[in-house]
Amino acid sequence: MAQHRKRDVFKIKPEAHDRPFEFRRDITRRLVRVMGEFTEGFELLSSLRRPVTFFGSARFREGSQYYRAAYELAKRLGRAGFTIVTGGGPGLMEAANRGAVDAKTQSVGLNIQLPKEQRVNRYVRRGMGFYYFFSRKTMLTTSAQAYVFFPGGFGTLDEFFSIITLMQTGKIEWRPVVLFGRDYWRKLNYFIKANMLHRHHTILPKDLSLYQIVDDVDEAFRLIKQSKQRRYTSM
């Protein structure tokens, strides 16, 4: 996996995270900022060809099994003509962007500004930095014709449940949602089946088809390769 040149990434001027929100003073400025993030974000997404969004922890390092798998899957998808989209950070996001660069496909990162700044990984070639989590999440949610979830933390699970809720309620069309790593996802899957479906009846049996759990790159690649071209719908 070779080294590559620096990328050209859009930058947004950071704001202080520790200043209390004052409604009368700040609401107009913040509404303008939100509108700007949505406008720039959708303009970026509209230019992408066959995008697949990768989610996963920033804490996995090069050499881990999930880093290698994210790299290989992104590389194979890139060679098949897909664009790779990530959150732009380190760890598994870096692995996917790295695979995209090595496949010579578009490598996109939608990063988030944090009090302790999350750096943009060096394999992002096109990107944008977001101040607000909700506007970034909207872009990550609407950006793809398929989604891959590797092991991660609260943010990864938040994105997973957001996307399957949007599909369940018909706010976006069905798209492949691939959960990679059976050892990580099996207990969550058991909770969904045992508690939500069978014990409390808060979901329907058909809702289990909203996602699929895989353990190898070949299976993940097959599921994503057969996905339909993305079309935008309102959320």
Foldseek 3Di string as FASTA:
>chain_A
DDDDAFADEDEDDDDDPPDDDDCVVCVVVVVVQLVVLLVVLVVVLVPAFAEEEEAAAQPADPPDPLLVQLLVLLLVVLLVPYAYEYQQAHHSLLSNLNSNVVNVHQREHEHEQDPPGGDGHRSHHYYYYDDDPVSSLVSSLQRHLEYEYEYHDPVSVVSVVVNLVCCVVVQAPQHEYEYEDCVRCVVVLCCCCVPCPPNVNVDHPVSSVSYYYDHHSVVVNVRSVPGDTHDDGHD
